[in-house]
Amino acid sequence: MPKQKTRKSIARRFKITPKGKVLRRQSFRRHLKAGKSKSRLKNLKRVVEIKGFYAKKIKKALGF
């Protein structure tokens, strides 16, 4: 049976921790920052964990 290929687009966007959690960066931080408060931009810096069925799908696409 052939090896399962990694989805490279997903591999660039998500990170799997040693314990198996799926992490992603938050959106709305690239441009148009003048209209957003400093605290909001600071909170958007944070890396967020993905849970549930979506995390399971991402792990499968990455070969975990």
Protein backbone atom coordinates (compact mmCIF):
# COMPACT_ATOMS: atom_id res chain seq x y z
CA MET A 1 0.00 0.00 0.00
CA PRO A 2 1.47 3.45 -0.89
CA LYS A 3 2.35 6.04 1.70
CA GLN A 4 -0.15 8.76 2.52
CA LYS A 5 1.02 12.16 1.28
CA THR A 6 1.00 15.20 3.56
CA ARG A 7 -1.26 18.08 2.52
CA LYS A 8 1.39 20.81 2.29
CA SER A 9 -1.10 23.70 2.38
CA ILE A 10 -2.37 22.41 5.73
CA ALA A 11 1.16 21.69 7.01
CA ARG A 12 2.06 25.37 6.53
CA ARG A 13 -0.97 26.66 8.41
CA PHE A 14 -1.19 24.32 11.39
CA LYS A 15 1.17 22.88 13.98
CA ILE A 16 0.76 19.66 15.96
CA THR A 17 2.14 19.73 19.51
CA PRO A 18 3.92 16.71 21.05
CA LYS A 19 0.70 15.88 22.94
CA GLY A 20 -1.30 15.94 19.71
CA LYS A 21 -3.08 19.30 19.96
CA VAL A 22 -3.65 21.25 16.74
CA LEU A 23 -2.63 24.93 16.81
CA ARG A 24 -3.41 27.73 14.38
CA ARG A 25 -2.75 31.45 14.07
CA GLN A 26 -5.62 33.94 14.23
CA SER A 27 -6.85 35.96 11.27
CA PHE A 28 -7.53 39.75 10.98
CA ARG A 29 -3.98 40.82 11.80
CA ARG A 30 -2.40 41.37 8.36
CA HIS A 31 -3.59 44.88 7.45
CA LEU A 32 -6.11 47.62 8.33
CA LYS A 33 -4.67 47.71 11.85
CA ALA A 34 -5.43 51.38 12.48
CA GLY A 35 -9.09 50.62 13.10
CA LYS A 36 -8.33 47.95 15.70
CA SER A 37 -7.42 48.63 19.31
CA LYS A 38 -4.00 47.73 20.72
CA SER A 39 -5.52 45.17 23.05
CA ARG A 40 -7.40 43.52 20.18
CA LEU A 41 -4.21 43.28 18.09
CA LYS A 42 -2.35 41.88 21.10
CA ASN A 43 -5.02 39.21 21.55
CA LEU A 44 -4.85 38.31 17.85
CA LYS A 45 -1.13 37.51 18.24
CA ARG A 46 -2.06 34.46 20.30
CA VAL A 47 -1.91 30.96 18.85
CA VAL A 48 -5.22 29.14 19.32
CA GLU A 49 -5.98 25.45 19.72
CA ILE A 50 -8.46 23.76 17.38
CA LYS A 51 -10.77 21.22 18.98
CA GLY A 52 -13.31 18.65 17.93
CA PHE A 53 -14.04 17.21 14.53
CA TYR A 54 -12.11 19.88 12.62
CA ALA A 55 -8.90 19.04 14.51
CA LYS A 56 -9.42 15.37 13.67
CA LYS A 57 -9.74 16.21 9.95
CA ILE A 58 -6.54 18.28 10.01
CA LYS A 59 -4.59 15.51 11.74
CA LYS A 60 -5.76 13.02 9.14
CA ALA A 61 -4.68 15.30 6.28
CA LEU A 62 -1.26 15.67 7.92
CA GLY A 63 -0.84 11.92 8.32
CA PHE A 64 -1.29 11.64 12.12
